[in-house]
N, C-alpha and C. Protein backbone atom coordinates (compact mmCIF):
# COMPACT_ATOMS: atom_id res chain seq x y z
N TYR A 1 23.79 178.18 86.86
CA TYR A 1 24.86 178.17 87.69
C TYR A 1 25.47 176.73 87.98
N CYS A 2 26.88 176.79 88.09
CA CYS A 2 27.32 175.42 88.38
C CYS A 2 27.26 175.18 89.85
N LYS A 3 27.56 173.92 90.33
CA LYS A 3 27.44 173.50 91.72
C LYS A 3 28.24 174.42 92.58
N ARG A 4 29.49 174.79 92.14
CA ARG A 4 30.36 175.56 92.94
C ARG A 4 29.79 176.94 93.17
N CYS A 5 29.32 177.58 92.21
CA CYS A 5 28.57 178.91 92.31
C CYS A 5 27.34 178.73 93.23
N SER A 6 26.63 177.76 93.02
CA SER A 6 25.31 177.59 93.69
C SER A 6 25.62 177.36 95.24
N ALA A 7 26.70 176.88 95.60
CA ALA A 7 27.13 176.66 96.98
C ALA A 7 27.83 177.88 97.60
N GLY A 8 28.71 178.36 96.69
CA GLY A 8 29.65 179.46 97.18
C GLY A 8 29.13 180.80 97.34
N PHE A 9 28.20 181.20 96.41
CA PHE A 9 27.62 182.50 96.66
C PHE A 9 26.80 182.66 97.83
N PRO A 10 25.87 181.85 98.19
CA PRO A 10 24.99 182.03 99.36
C PRO A 10 25.88 181.90 100.58
N GLN A 11 27.02 181.07 100.58
CA GLN A 11 27.94 180.88 101.68
C GLN A 11 28.55 182.25 101.96
N ALA A 12 29.05 182.82 100.80
CA ALA A 12 29.82 184.16 101.03
C ALA A 12 29.05 185.35 101.30
N LEU A 13 27.87 185.43 100.69
CA LEU A 13 27.03 186.52 100.78
C LEU A 13 25.74 186.48 101.65
N GLY A 14 25.48 185.26 102.05
CA GLY A 14 24.25 185.03 102.86
C GLY A 14 22.95 185.30 102.12
N LYS A 15 22.95 185.08 100.80
CA LYS A 15 21.66 185.31 100.06
C LYS A 15 21.75 184.32 98.88
N GLU A 16 20.44 184.15 98.37
CA GLU A 16 20.43 183.34 97.13
C GLU A 16 20.90 183.91 95.88
N LEU A 17 21.32 183.19 94.92
CA LEU A 17 21.81 183.65 93.75
C LEU A 17 20.55 184.31 92.89
N PRO A 18 20.83 185.43 92.23
CA PRO A 18 19.70 186.10 91.44
C PRO A 18 19.34 185.15 90.26
N ARG A 19 18.13 185.20 89.88
CA ARG A 19 17.72 184.35 88.70
C ARG A 19 16.65 185.24 87.88
N GLY A 20 16.64 184.77 86.62
CA GLY A 20 15.58 185.41 85.68
C GLY A 20 15.98 186.83 85.25
N GLY A 21 15.17 187.32 84.24
CA GLY A 21 15.42 188.69 83.81
C GLY A 21 16.59 188.77 82.93
N ASP A 22 17.09 190.04 82.63
CA ASP A 22 18.28 190.24 81.85
C ASP A 22 19.58 190.17 82.69
N PHE A 23 20.51 189.51 82.13
CA PHE A 23 21.77 189.38 82.99
C PHE A 23 22.54 190.63 83.07
N SER A 24 22.40 191.54 82.16
CA SER A 24 23.00 192.85 82.31
C SER A 24 22.44 193.81 83.32
N ARG A 25 21.29 193.50 83.85
CA ARG A 25 20.62 194.34 84.72
C ARG A 25 21.37 194.45 86.20
N PRO A 26 21.05 195.51 86.95
CA PRO A 26 21.68 195.70 88.25
C PRO A 26 21.44 194.62 89.28
N GLN A 27 20.40 193.69 89.03
CA GLN A 27 20.24 192.68 89.97
C GLN A 27 21.36 191.69 90.05
N TYR A 28 22.07 191.71 89.10
CA TYR A 28 23.22 190.64 88.96
C TYR A 28 24.55 191.38 89.36
N ASP A 29 24.61 192.59 89.70
CA ASP A 29 25.79 193.30 90.03
C ASP A 29 26.64 192.61 91.13
N GLU A 30 25.91 192.19 92.24
CA GLU A 30 26.58 191.52 93.32
C GLU A 30 27.16 190.22 92.93
N TYR A 31 26.47 189.49 92.09
CA TYR A 31 26.94 188.30 91.60
C TYR A 31 28.23 188.46 90.66
N ARG A 32 28.20 189.54 89.82
CA ARG A 32 29.31 189.84 88.98
C ARG A 32 30.59 190.21 89.79
N THR A 33 30.42 190.98 90.81
CA THR A 33 31.47 191.36 91.75
C THR A 33 32.08 190.13 92.43
N TRP A 34 31.27 189.25 92.92
CA TRP A 34 31.76 188.04 93.53
C TRP A 34 32.40 187.12 92.51
N LYS A 35 31.93 187.03 91.30
CA LYS A 35 32.53 186.24 90.26
C LYS A 35 33.86 186.82 89.97
N ALA A 36 34.00 188.11 89.97
CA ALA A 36 35.27 188.79 89.50
C ALA A 36 36.40 188.50 90.65
N GLY A 37 35.92 188.51 91.85
CA GLY A 37 36.82 187.97 92.82
C GLY A 37 37.40 186.58 92.64
N ASN A 38 36.53 185.69 92.29
CA ASN A 38 36.87 184.36 92.09
C ASN A 38 37.77 184.21 90.90
N LEU A 39 37.57 185.06 89.89
CA LEU A 39 38.37 185.00 88.66
C LEU A 39 39.83 185.43 89.07
N MET A 40 39.94 186.47 89.86
CA MET A 40 41.25 187.02 90.24
C MET A 40 42.10 185.83 91.19
N THR A 41 41.32 185.11 91.93
CA THR A 41 42.02 184.07 92.69
C THR A 41 42.36 182.88 91.73
N HIS A 42 41.67 182.65 90.59
CA HIS A 42 41.86 181.69 89.67
C HIS A 42 43.09 182.15 88.88
N LEU A 43 43.20 183.35 88.47
CA LEU A 43 44.35 183.88 87.71
C LEU A 43 45.63 183.92 88.41
N LYS A 44 45.53 184.31 89.69
CA LYS A 44 46.73 184.30 90.59
C LYS A 44 47.25 182.84 90.81
N ASN A 45 46.28 181.85 90.85
CA ASN A 45 46.70 180.52 90.97
C ASN A 45 47.39 180.01 89.68
N PHE A 46 46.95 180.43 88.49
CA PHE A 46 47.52 180.15 87.24
C PHE A 46 48.96 180.78 87.29
N GLN A 47 48.94 181.95 87.60
CA GLN A 47 50.26 182.75 87.60
C GLN A 47 51.33 182.00 88.39
N ALA A 48 50.92 181.73 89.62
CA ALA A 48 51.87 180.88 90.57
C ALA A 48 52.32 179.58 89.98
N GLU A 49 51.41 178.87 89.36
CA GLU A 49 51.71 177.54 88.72
C GLU A 49 52.72 177.75 87.70
N VAL A 50 52.46 178.77 86.73
CA VAL A 50 53.41 178.92 85.60
C VAL A 50 54.79 179.42 86.26
N LYS A 51 54.83 180.42 87.12
CA LYS A 51 56.01 180.93 87.67
C LYS A 51 56.81 179.79 88.45
N GLY A 52 56.07 178.79 88.74
CA GLY A 52 56.63 177.64 89.55
C GLY A 52 57.80 176.87 88.75
N PHE A 53 57.70 177.18 87.41
CA PHE A 53 58.64 176.54 86.45
C PHE A 53 59.79 177.48 86.12
N GLY A 54 59.74 178.72 86.80
CA GLY A 54 60.83 179.75 86.50
C GLY A 54 60.27 181.07 86.26
N GLU A 55 60.87 182.11 86.78
CA GLU A 55 60.43 183.48 86.55
C GLU A 55 60.41 183.94 85.11
N ASP A 56 61.24 183.24 84.32
CA ASP A 56 61.30 183.59 82.90
C ASP A 56 60.19 183.11 82.04
N LYS A 57 59.43 182.24 82.67
CA LYS A 57 58.18 181.71 81.98
C LYS A 57 56.98 182.70 82.07
N ALA A 58 56.48 183.09 80.96
CA ALA A 58 55.57 184.18 80.76
C ALA A 58 53.96 183.68 80.92
N PHE A 59 53.24 184.45 81.60
CA PHE A 59 51.81 184.10 81.74
C PHE A 59 51.03 185.32 81.14
N CYS A 60 50.03 185.09 80.24
CA CYS A 60 49.25 186.15 79.80
C CYS A 60 47.95 185.49 79.24
N ALA A 61 46.92 186.44 79.07
CA ALA A 61 45.59 185.83 78.54
C ALA A 61 45.07 186.94 77.65
N GLU A 62 44.18 186.55 76.70
CA GLU A 62 43.42 187.61 76.02
C GLU A 62 42.37 188.02 76.91
N ILE A 63 42.42 189.31 77.16
CA ILE A 63 41.35 190.05 78.06
C ILE A 63 40.80 191.14 77.25
N PHE A 64 39.44 191.27 77.35
CA PHE A 64 38.80 192.31 76.46
C PHE A 64 38.74 193.57 77.36
N GLY A 65 38.80 194.73 76.63
CA GLY A 65 38.74 195.92 77.27
C GLY A 65 38.82 197.10 76.33
N LEU A 66 38.36 198.31 76.63
CA LEU A 66 38.39 199.49 75.93
C LEU A 66 37.46 199.38 74.72
N PHE A 67 37.85 198.68 73.60
CA PHE A 67 36.99 198.62 72.38
C PHE A 67 35.86 197.47 72.47
N TYR A 68 36.28 196.57 73.45
CA TYR A 68 35.32 195.33 73.61
C TYR A 68 34.90 195.28 75.08
N GLU A 69 33.64 195.69 75.43
CA GLU A 69 33.17 195.80 76.81
C GLU A 69 32.55 194.39 77.17
N HIS A 70 33.17 193.57 77.97
CA HIS A 70 32.72 192.25 78.35
C HIS A 70 32.51 192.03 79.83
N TYR A 71 32.79 193.10 80.58
CA TYR A 71 32.73 192.97 82.01
C TYR A 71 31.35 192.51 82.52
N LYS A 72 30.32 192.97 82.08
CA LYS A 72 29.05 192.47 82.47
C LYS A 72 28.70 190.98 82.20
N ARG A 73 29.30 190.55 81.19
CA ARG A 73 29.21 189.17 80.75
C ARG A 73 30.21 188.21 81.42
N SER A 74 31.38 188.75 81.63
CA SER A 74 32.49 187.92 82.14
C SER A 74 33.11 188.16 83.29
N SER A 75 32.82 189.28 83.95
CA SER A 75 33.38 189.85 85.24
C SER A 75 34.94 189.93 85.13
N SER A 76 35.38 190.30 83.91
CA SER A 76 36.84 190.46 83.71
C SER A 76 36.97 191.65 82.83
N ASP A 77 38.07 192.42 83.21
CA ASP A 77 38.53 193.53 82.45
C ASP A 77 40.01 193.84 82.63
N LEU A 78 40.52 194.60 81.77
CA LEU A 78 41.97 194.82 81.77
C LEU A 78 42.49 195.46 82.98
N TYR A 79 41.63 196.43 83.57
CA TYR A 79 41.94 197.14 84.88
C TYR A 79 42.22 196.04 85.98
N ALA A 80 41.40 195.10 86.14
CA ALA A 80 41.56 194.15 87.19
C ALA A 80 42.76 193.10 87.10
N VAL A 81 42.90 192.68 85.79
CA VAL A 81 43.84 191.57 85.65
C VAL A 81 45.23 191.99 85.28
N LYS A 82 45.40 193.23 85.05
CA LYS A 82 46.88 193.64 84.65
C LYS A 82 47.93 193.28 85.54
N HIS A 83 47.66 193.08 86.90
CA HIS A 83 48.72 192.73 87.84
C HIS A 83 49.14 191.17 87.67
N THR A 84 48.23 190.40 87.04
CA THR A 84 48.60 188.93 86.93
C THR A 84 49.33 188.66 85.68
N MET A 85 49.32 189.63 84.66
CA MET A 85 49.90 189.31 83.34
C MET A 85 51.28 189.78 83.19
N ASP A 86 52.05 189.09 82.36
CA ASP A 86 53.49 189.51 82.12
C ASP A 86 53.41 190.52 80.94
N PHE A 87 52.63 190.51 80.06
CA PHE A 87 52.38 191.51 79.19
C PHE A 87 51.03 191.68 78.73
N MET A 88 50.62 192.83 78.27
CA MET A 88 49.17 193.20 78.24
C MET A 88 48.67 192.81 76.77
N VAL A 89 47.65 192.08 76.78
CA VAL A 89 47.20 191.33 75.36
C VAL A 89 45.69 191.77 75.32
N THR A 90 45.26 192.38 74.18
CA THR A 90 43.88 192.66 73.95
C THR A 90 43.60 192.68 72.52
N PRO A 91 42.38 192.32 72.04
CA PRO A 91 42.04 192.20 70.64
C PRO A 91 41.63 193.48 70.00
N LEU A 92 41.93 193.59 68.78
CA LEU A 92 41.50 194.77 67.94
C LEU A 92 41.50 194.38 66.51
N PHE A 93 40.19 194.08 65.89
CA PHE A 93 40.10 193.65 64.61
C PHE A 93 39.61 194.61 63.57
N VAL A 94 40.11 194.62 62.39
CA VAL A 94 39.63 195.54 61.40
C VAL A 94 38.12 195.40 61.12
N ALA A 95 37.59 194.19 61.17
CA ALA A 95 36.06 193.98 60.84
C ALA A 95 35.11 194.68 61.81
N LYS A 96 35.64 195.07 63.08
CA LYS A 96 34.86 195.70 63.90
C LYS A 96 34.63 197.16 63.60
N GLN A 97 35.34 197.61 62.58
CA GLN A 97 35.08 198.94 61.88
C GLN A 97 35.38 200.01 62.84
N GLU A 98 36.39 199.91 63.77
CA GLU A 98 36.81 200.88 64.68
C GLU A 98 37.61 201.94 63.72
N PRO A 99 37.74 203.13 64.28
CA PRO A 99 38.53 204.17 63.36
C PRO A 99 39.89 203.73 63.15
N LEU A 100 40.47 204.29 62.11
CA LEU A 100 41.85 203.98 61.58
C LEU A 100 42.94 204.14 62.61
N GLN A 101 42.63 205.10 63.59
CA GLN A 101 43.68 205.38 64.59
C GLN A 101 43.45 204.45 65.86
N ALA A 102 42.65 203.44 65.79
CA ALA A 102 42.36 202.63 66.90
C ALA A 102 43.56 201.96 67.52
N PRO A 103 44.45 201.35 66.63
CA PRO A 103 45.57 200.69 67.29
C PRO A 103 46.41 201.56 68.09
N THR A 104 46.63 202.83 67.61
CA THR A 104 47.42 203.84 68.36
C THR A 104 46.73 204.10 69.82
N THR A 105 45.43 204.32 69.69
CA THR A 105 44.70 204.53 71.02
C THR A 105 44.71 203.40 71.90
N LEU A 106 44.75 202.14 71.34
CA LEU A 106 44.66 200.94 72.10
C LEU A 106 46.01 200.74 72.75
N VAL A 107 47.10 200.93 72.06
CA VAL A 107 48.50 200.70 72.67
C VAL A 107 48.70 201.76 73.69
N LYS A 108 48.33 203.04 73.52
CA LYS A 108 48.50 204.04 74.53
C LYS A 108 47.72 203.70 75.78
N PHE A 109 46.42 203.16 75.59
CA PHE A 109 45.64 202.79 76.74
C PHE A 109 46.40 201.57 77.53
N LEU A 110 46.88 200.66 76.83
CA LEU A 110 47.66 199.41 77.47
C LEU A 110 48.80 200.15 78.13
N GLN A 111 49.59 201.11 77.62
CA GLN A 111 50.74 201.62 78.15
C GLN A 111 50.30 202.40 79.49
N ALA A 112 49.17 203.05 79.46
CA ALA A 112 48.64 203.76 80.64
C ALA A 112 48.26 202.77 81.79
N LEU A 113 47.83 201.58 81.43
CA LEU A 113 47.54 200.62 82.47
C LEU A 113 48.72 200.12 83.24
N ASP A 114 49.80 199.99 82.44
CA ASP A 114 51.13 199.47 83.10
C ASP A 114 52.13 199.85 82.05
N PRO A 115 52.92 200.83 82.31
CA PRO A 115 53.97 201.33 81.32
C PRO A 115 55.24 200.25 81.29
N ASP A 116 55.36 199.47 82.26
CA ASP A 116 56.45 198.59 82.28
C ASP A 116 56.29 197.26 81.57
N LYS A 117 55.05 197.05 80.98
CA LYS A 117 54.68 195.87 80.36
C LYS A 117 54.41 196.05 78.81
N THR A 118 54.95 195.10 77.97
CA THR A 118 54.72 195.23 76.63
C THR A 118 53.20 195.14 76.19
N PRO A 119 52.77 196.16 75.47
CA PRO A 119 51.41 196.20 74.95
C PRO A 119 51.32 195.31 73.75
N VAL A 120 50.35 194.27 73.61
CA VAL A 120 50.30 193.51 72.41
C VAL A 120 48.90 193.52 71.89
N VAL A 121 48.83 193.77 70.55
CA VAL A 121 47.51 193.90 69.91
C VAL A 121 47.20 192.62 69.09
N LEU A 122 46.16 192.04 69.58
CA LEU A 122 45.66 190.85 68.72
C LEU A 122 44.89 191.34 67.46
N TYR A 123 45.38 190.87 66.47
CA TYR A 123 44.78 191.25 65.12
C TYR A 123 44.56 189.99 64.28
N GLY A 124 43.95 190.04 63.13
CA GLY A 124 43.80 188.95 62.17
C GLY A 124 44.26 189.42 60.80
N HIS A 125 45.00 188.62 60.05
CA HIS A 125 45.46 188.98 58.72
C HIS A 125 44.24 189.04 57.77
N GLN A 126 43.21 188.30 58.22
CA GLN A 126 41.90 188.38 57.41
C GLN A 126 41.15 189.49 57.87
N GLY A 127 41.31 190.13 59.04
CA GLY A 127 40.72 191.21 59.46
C GLY A 127 39.27 191.09 59.82
N THR A 128 38.83 189.84 60.04
CA THR A 128 37.46 189.53 60.13
C THR A 128 36.82 189.15 61.55
N ASP A 129 37.74 189.15 62.47
CA ASP A 129 37.36 188.80 63.83
C ASP A 129 36.59 187.51 64.01
N ASN A 130 36.80 186.52 62.99
CA ASN A 130 36.16 185.26 62.96
C ASN A 130 34.71 185.24 62.73
N HIS A 131 34.13 186.53 62.50
CA HIS A 131 32.69 186.56 62.14
C HIS A 131 32.33 186.40 60.75
N LEU A 132 33.24 186.79 59.84
CA LEU A 132 32.91 186.85 58.44
C LEU A 132 33.96 186.01 57.75
N ARG A 133 33.77 184.73 57.92
CA ARG A 133 34.86 183.70 57.66
C ARG A 133 35.29 183.80 56.14
N TYR A 134 34.45 184.19 55.27
CA TYR A 134 34.59 184.21 53.83
C TYR A 134 34.92 185.54 53.22
N VAL A 135 35.13 186.53 54.05
CA VAL A 135 35.33 187.87 53.62
C VAL A 135 36.77 188.38 54.09
N SER A 136 37.44 188.76 53.15
CA SER A 136 38.91 189.17 53.51
C SER A 136 38.90 190.75 53.96
N GLY A 137 39.71 190.99 54.82
CA GLY A 137 39.83 192.34 55.34
C GLY A 137 40.69 193.10 54.31
N SER A 138 40.53 194.43 54.17
CA SER A 138 41.20 195.35 53.25
C SER A 138 42.76 195.34 53.67
N PRO A 139 43.53 194.81 52.64
CA PRO A 139 45.04 194.71 52.84
C PRO A 139 45.61 195.98 53.38
N ALA A 140 45.16 197.09 52.77
CA ALA A 140 45.65 198.47 53.12
C ALA A 140 45.33 198.75 54.63
N GLU A 141 44.10 198.43 55.05
CA GLU A 141 43.67 198.75 56.31
C GLU A 141 44.46 197.94 57.30
N VAL A 142 44.57 196.66 57.04
CA VAL A 142 45.36 195.72 58.01
C VAL A 142 46.79 196.26 58.17
N ARG A 143 47.47 196.73 57.05
CA ARG A 143 48.79 197.15 57.13
C ARG A 143 48.81 198.47 57.91
N ILE A 144 47.91 199.35 57.71
CA ILE A 144 47.77 200.68 58.44
C ILE A 144 47.68 200.33 59.94
N TRP A 145 46.94 199.42 60.34
CA TRP A 145 46.69 198.95 61.76
C TRP A 145 48.00 198.42 62.31
N MET A 146 48.58 197.57 61.54
CA MET A 146 49.95 196.97 62.03
C MET A 146 51.00 198.01 62.27
N TRP A 147 51.13 198.85 61.25
CA TRP A 147 52.10 199.89 61.50
C TRP A 147 51.93 200.85 62.60
N GLN A 148 50.56 201.19 62.74
CA GLN A 148 50.25 202.08 63.90
C GLN A 148 50.51 201.48 65.27
N ALA A 149 50.18 200.26 65.38
CA ALA A 149 50.49 199.53 66.66
C ALA A 149 51.88 199.52 67.00
N VAL A 150 52.65 199.22 66.02
CA VAL A 150 54.18 199.15 66.07
C VAL A 150 54.81 200.68 66.40
N SER A 151 54.23 201.60 65.73
CA SER A 151 54.85 202.98 65.87
C SER A 151 54.36 203.68 67.23
N ALA A 152 53.25 203.15 67.88
CA ALA A 152 52.94 203.57 69.16
C ALA A 152 53.66 202.85 70.28
N GLY A 153 54.47 201.85 69.95
CA GLY A 153 55.23 201.14 70.93
C GLY A 153 54.56 199.74 71.40
N GLY A 154 53.76 199.36 70.47
CA GLY A 154 53.04 198.02 70.76
C GLY A 154 53.71 196.92 69.87
N SER A 155 53.40 195.65 70.28
CA SER A 155 53.76 194.48 69.51
C SER A 155 52.47 193.73 68.86
N LEU A 156 52.58 192.83 68.03
CA LEU A 156 51.62 192.28 67.27
C LEU A 156 51.43 190.70 67.47
N TRP A 157 50.07 190.26 67.52
CA TRP A 157 50.02 188.74 67.67
C TRP A 157 48.97 188.49 66.65
N ASP A 158 49.24 187.73 65.56
CA ASP A 158 48.25 187.34 64.53
C ASP A 158 47.30 186.25 65.02
N CYS A 159 46.09 186.60 65.18
CA CYS A 159 45.12 185.76 65.84
C CYS A 159 44.04 185.26 64.81
N THR A 160 44.44 184.97 63.64
CA THR A 160 43.58 184.43 62.68
C THR A 160 43.28 182.95 62.93
N PHE A 161 42.01 182.57 63.10
CA PHE A 161 41.69 181.28 63.59
C PHE A 161 41.49 180.26 62.57
N THR A 162 42.53 179.88 61.88
CA THR A 162 42.49 178.87 60.75
C THR A 162 42.84 177.49 61.23
N GLY A 163 43.50 177.42 62.49
CA GLY A 163 43.88 176.04 62.99
C GLY A 163 45.03 175.52 62.49
N GLN A 164 45.73 176.30 61.52
CA GLN A 164 46.88 175.65 60.88
C GLN A 164 47.70 176.84 60.24
N HIS A 165 48.97 176.35 59.84
CA HIS A 165 49.84 177.32 59.28
C HIS A 165 49.22 177.86 58.01
N PRO A 166 49.32 179.12 57.74
CA PRO A 166 48.66 179.59 56.52
C PRO A 166 49.13 179.09 55.21
N GLY A 167 50.45 178.46 55.20
CA GLY A 167 51.00 177.91 54.09
C GLY A 167 50.17 176.60 53.69
N ARG A 168 49.46 176.05 54.69
CA ARG A 168 48.84 174.69 54.55
C ARG A 168 47.28 175.01 54.37
N SER A 169 46.88 176.25 54.49
CA SER A 169 45.55 176.58 54.47
C SER A 169 45.01 176.81 52.90
N HIS A 170 43.72 176.52 52.76
CA HIS A 170 43.16 176.88 51.36
C HIS A 170 43.09 178.38 51.18
N ASP A 171 42.79 179.06 52.33
CA ASP A 171 42.53 180.58 52.17
C ASP A 171 43.82 181.36 52.65
N ARG A 172 44.63 181.73 51.70
CA ARG A 172 45.89 182.31 52.03
C ARG A 172 45.86 183.82 51.84
N ARG A 173 44.74 184.39 51.72
CA ARG A 173 44.59 185.98 51.41
C ARG A 173 45.16 186.60 52.62
N ASN A 174 46.15 187.55 52.30
CA ASN A 174 46.61 188.38 53.37
C ASN A 174 47.57 187.57 54.33
N ALA A 175 47.75 186.17 54.08
CA ALA A 175 48.52 185.44 55.03
C ALA A 175 49.97 185.99 55.23
N TYR A 176 50.52 186.52 54.25
CA TYR A 176 51.98 186.93 54.37
C TYR A 176 51.95 188.51 54.26
N LEU A 177 50.87 189.22 54.44
CA LEU A 177 50.72 190.56 54.26
C LEU A 177 51.69 191.35 55.14
N GLY A 178 51.99 190.87 56.29
CA GLY A 178 52.85 191.65 57.26
C GLY A 178 54.11 191.12 57.39
N SER A 179 54.67 190.31 56.47
CA SER A 179 56.07 189.75 56.52
C SER A 179 57.02 190.80 56.76
N ASP A 180 56.97 191.84 55.90
CA ASP A 180 58.06 192.96 55.96
C ASP A 180 57.88 193.78 57.28
N ILE A 181 56.72 193.69 57.89
CA ILE A 181 56.62 194.49 59.15
C ILE A 181 57.26 193.67 60.18
N PHE A 182 57.00 192.38 60.34
CA PHE A 182 57.50 191.56 61.30
C PHE A 182 59.17 191.55 61.15
N GLY A 183 59.72 191.59 59.89
CA GLY A 183 60.98 191.53 59.54
C GLY A 183 61.65 192.88 60.05
N TRP A 184 60.89 193.95 59.92
CA TRP A 184 61.44 195.31 60.28
C TRP A 184 61.50 195.36 61.90
N MET A 185 60.39 194.80 62.54
CA MET A 185 60.37 194.66 64.06
C MET A 185 61.63 193.91 64.56
N LYS A 186 61.93 192.84 63.79
CA LYS A 186 62.97 191.94 64.19
C LYS A 186 64.43 192.74 64.09
N GLU A 187 64.46 193.32 63.01
CA GLU A 187 65.66 194.15 62.75
C GLU A 187 65.92 195.27 63.78
N HIS A 188 64.90 195.95 64.23
CA HIS A 188 64.91 197.02 65.13
C HIS A 188 64.47 196.72 66.52
N GLU A 189 64.57 195.48 66.98
CA GLU A 189 63.98 194.97 68.21
C GLU A 189 64.70 195.79 69.46
N LYS A 190 65.93 196.00 69.41
CA LYS A 190 66.48 196.72 70.47
C LYS A 190 66.00 198.16 70.62
N VAL A 191 65.56 198.80 69.62
CA VAL A 191 65.04 200.15 69.67
C VAL A 191 63.60 200.08 70.14
N LEU A 192 62.93 199.13 69.68
CA LEU A 192 61.48 198.97 69.84
C LEU A 192 61.13 198.56 71.25
N HIS A 193 61.96 197.63 71.84
CA HIS A 193 61.69 196.98 73.10
C HIS A 193 61.72 197.94 74.20
N GLY A 194 60.67 197.98 75.13
CA GLY A 194 60.61 198.78 76.24
C GLY A 194 60.34 200.25 76.07
N GLN A 195 59.65 200.64 74.87
CA GLN A 195 59.38 201.96 74.70
C GLN A 195 58.37 202.49 75.81
N GLN A 196 58.51 203.69 76.17
CA GLN A 196 57.48 204.23 77.11
C GLN A 196 57.15 205.78 76.64
N PRO A 197 55.87 205.92 76.71
CA PRO A 197 55.40 207.27 76.19
C PRO A 197 55.91 208.48 77.04
N ALA A 198 56.24 209.60 76.47
CA ALA A 198 56.62 210.80 77.24
C ALA A 198 55.59 211.84 76.74
N ALA A 199 54.79 212.27 77.67
CA ALA A 199 53.70 213.24 77.29
C ALA A 199 53.42 214.33 78.36
N SER A 200 53.05 215.45 77.78
CA SER A 200 52.82 216.63 78.76
C SER A 200 51.28 216.77 79.02
N VAL A 201 50.50 215.66 78.61
CA VAL A 201 49.09 215.72 78.91
C VAL A 201 48.68 214.32 79.47
N ALA A 202 47.56 214.25 80.16
CA ALA A 202 47.13 213.02 80.57
C ALA A 202 45.74 212.68 79.91
N MET A 203 45.51 211.39 79.72
CA MET A 203 44.21 210.97 79.15
C MET A 203 43.43 210.10 80.17
N LEU A 204 42.22 210.39 80.42
CA LEU A 204 41.34 209.60 81.29
C LEU A 204 40.59 208.57 80.60
N TYR A 205 40.94 207.30 80.93
CA TYR A 205 40.28 206.19 80.30
C TYR A 205 39.27 205.66 81.35
N SER A 206 37.99 206.09 81.30
CA SER A 206 37.02 205.73 82.25
C SER A 206 36.76 204.29 82.28
N GLN A 207 36.86 203.63 83.43
CA GLN A 207 36.44 202.17 83.52
C GLN A 207 34.91 202.02 83.18
N ALA A 208 34.10 202.91 83.46
CA ALA A 208 32.79 202.89 83.18
C ALA A 208 32.48 202.87 81.66
C-alpha cells in the first residue's frame, strides 16, 4: 500500500488494511469498495479539470467491463464510471477469441449503460491485444468485428500499440485493413451519429 492508503483507510473505516492471502478473496472487499470511492473522486476531479477548458472538451478513459472483468483488481468498471465519461470506451480484441458477434453484444451493452453517449470499441488492426506481438490477427475476422461494431451503432478506436504511425513501422500487416470502413463511416457520419436502439425486449447485463 502507498502512504496515502495506509493512512486513509484506517482513518475512514477505523480498522487496519487487510494483508496477505489472495487479493481476490472477500477479506479485501471492504478495501476494494473504499478504493472504488477514491477512484470516483479522482475521475470527477479529472472531469472538472478538463471541462474547465470548455464544455466542448471531451473526457474519457479506457475502462474494462463485460468481456474483461477487472473490478476485483482495479476497483473500476463501466457501471460506476459511466457518469464521468463523455463517451463510452472499452476494449475488445480478436486475440481474446471472443465469439464473432462480440462487437454487436459489446456495443449494445454500452448503449444500455448510457444510450445518449457514443459507444466506442477499442480494437487492434493486428488483433493481438499486445500479448502476441509477432502474430497477426486474421484480416477477415478483424474486418467482421469492425463492421459489426459500426452496424450496431458503435464507433472504432484502433489501439494497436506500435508507438508510431503504421507507415513508419516495420510491421505493417493489417495497418490499412479498415481504411474503406473508416471512409464509409466518414461519408455516412450524419446517419451514423447518435443512433439509439429500438427494441421490444430487454437484456439483463448482470454486474456480478
